Amino acid sequence: MALTSVLTIWLLMASAYLKKKIFNMDEKEWAEYLKGISQARMIAGLIVLFLLSLFIVSTGAFFSFKILGFSEPGQMAVLFLIFTTLCAGIDLIKNKDSFFKKISMFRK
């Protein structure tokens, strides 16, 4: 799950970089943009980035399982995807107060 988290952070940084380059946003515009986004939209965006990262890592797991000669690499990759999603969901539920507090820091 650590690789998925790192990839999620990388995708978040890459999307912010692209948004900055496309819309030529300065610090003041970023502050206004982040204040204008609802918390639900921000969380939805993070979940989408996490799921995209998880899909990329699961695809890599599939090819790793295939190269290593496992008999059912597709099923193992799907199980990896499901297990990691469940673990992330449980972590989010357990630490939701901390998560929401960190998210709200971006809106100040």
Protein backbone atom coordinates (compact mmCIF):
# COMPACT_ATOMS: atom_id res chain seq x y z
CA MET A 1 0.00 0.00 0.00
CA ALA A 2 3.01 2.28 0.46
CA LEU A 3 3.73 2.23 -3.27
CA THR A 4 0.12 3.17 -3.98
CA SER A 5 0.33 6.06 -1.52
CA VAL A 6 3.55 7.36 -3.06
CA LEU A 7 2.06 7.09 -6.53
CA THR A 8 -1.08 8.93 -5.35
CA ILE A 9 1.04 11.79 -4.00
CA TRP A 10 3.00 11.89 -7.24
CA LEU A 11 -0.23 12.03 -9.28
CA LEU A 12 -1.56 14.78 -7.01
CA MET A 13 1.62 16.81 -7.51
CA ALA A 14 1.57 16.17 -11.27
CA SER A 15 -2.06 17.26 -11.54
CA ALA A 16 -1.32 20.45 -9.56
CA TYR A 17 1.69 21.13 -11.79
CA LEU A 18 -0.41 20.67 -14.95
CA LYS A 19 -3.18 22.87 -13.56
CA LYS A 20 -0.59 25.56 -12.78
CA LYS A 21 0.91 25.36 -16.27
CA ILE A 22 -2.43 25.28 -18.10
CA PHE A 23 -4.17 28.03 -16.13
CA ASN A 24 -1.06 30.07 -15.14
CA MET A 25 -2.14 30.18 -11.50
CA ASP A 26 -0.13 32.14 -8.95
CA GLU A 27 -0.17 31.72 -5.17
CA LYS A 28 -3.18 34.00 -4.68
CA GLU A 29 -5.22 32.17 -7.33
CA TRP A 30 -4.33 28.81 -5.77
CA ALA A 31 -5.54 30.03 -2.38
CA GLU A 32 -8.84 31.19 -3.90
CA TYR A 33 -9.20 27.93 -5.84
CA LEU A 34 -8.64 25.77 -2.76
CA LYS A 35 -11.07 27.85 -0.69
CA GLY A 36 -13.69 27.50 -3.41
CA ILE A 37 -13.55 23.71 -3.61
CA SER A 38 -15.97 21.89 -1.35
CA GLN A 39 -14.56 19.32 1.02
CA ALA A 40 -16.60 16.59 -0.67
CA ARG A 41 -15.13 17.47 -4.08
CA MET A 42 -11.61 17.52 -2.69
CA ILE A 43 -12.09 14.10 -1.08
CA ALA A 44 -13.66 12.71 -4.26
CA GLY A 45 -10.63 13.91 -6.25
CA LEU A 46 -8.24 12.27 -3.81
CA ILE A 47 -10.21 9.02 -3.94
CA VAL A 48 -10.08 9.05 -7.75
CA LEU A 49 -6.31 9.60 -7.68
CA PHE A 50 -5.91 6.81 -5.13
CA LEU A 51 -7.99 4.39 -7.20
CA LEU A 52 -6.01 5.30 -10.33
CA SER A 53 -2.78 4.65 -8.43
CA LEU A 54 -4.17 1.38 -7.12
CA PHE A 55 -5.11 0.30 -10.63
CA ILE A 56 -1.59 1.10 -11.88
CA VAL A 57 0.02 -0.82 -9.01
CA SER A 58 -2.37 -3.77 -9.53
CA THR A 59 -1.46 -3.85 -13.21
CA GLY A 60 2.20 -3.98 -12.21
CA ALA A 61 1.37 -6.76 -9.74
CA PHE A 62 -0.33 -8.71 -12.53
CA PHE A 63 2.79 -8.57 -14.71
CA SER A 64 5.00 -9.41 -11.72
CA PHE A 65 2.86 -12.44 -10.89
CA LYS A 66 2.95 -13.49 -14.55
CA ILE A 67 6.73 -13.13 -14.81
CA LEU A 68 7.20 -15.06 -11.57
CA GLY A 69 5.14 -17.92 -13.00
CA PHE A 70 2.08 -17.86 -10.77
CA SER A 71 -0.74 -19.96 -12.21
CA GLU A 72 -3.49 -17.31 -11.96
CA PRO A 73 -1.86 -13.86 -12.14
CA GLY A 74 -5.12 -12.12 -13.08
CA GLN A 75 -7.02 -13.47 -10.11
CA MET A 76 -4.16 -12.64 -7.78
CA ALA A 77 -3.98 -9.07 -9.10
CA VAL A 78 -7.75 -8.66 -8.59
CA LEU A 79 -7.44 -10.03 -5.05
CA PHE A 80 -4.58 -7.61 -4.44
CA LEU A 81 -6.77 -4.76 -5.72
CA ILE A 82 -9.71 -5.77 -3.50
CA PHE A 83 -7.58 -6.38 -0.41
CA THR A 84 -5.72 -3.08 -0.74
CA THR A 85 -8.97 -1.17 -1.31
CA LEU A 86 -10.50 -2.75 1.79
CA CYS A 87 -7.42 -1.99 3.90
CA ALA A 88 -7.38 1.63 2.71
CA GLY A 89 -11.10 1.96 3.44
CA ILE A 90 -10.67 0.57 6.94
CA ASP A 91 -7.73 2.93 7.58
CA LEU A 92 -9.81 5.86 6.35
CA ILE A 93 -12.72 4.92 8.62
CA LYS A 94 -10.43 4.49 11.63
CA ASN A 95 -8.60 7.78 11.03
CA LYS A 96 -11.37 9.85 9.45
CA ASP A 97 -11.07 12.70 11.96
CA SER A 98 -7.36 13.09 11.28
CA PHE A 99 -7.96 12.81 7.52
CA PHE A 100 -10.67 15.50 7.51
CA LYS A 101 -8.51 17.75 9.68
CA LYS A 102 -5.63 17.47 7.19
CA ILE A 103 -7.97 18.12 4.26
CA SER A 104 -9.38 21.21 5.95
CA MET A 105 -5.86 22.67 6.27
CA PHE A 106 -5.80 23.18 2.48
CA ARG A 107 -8.93 25.31 2.62
CA LYS A 108 -7.59 27.90 5.11
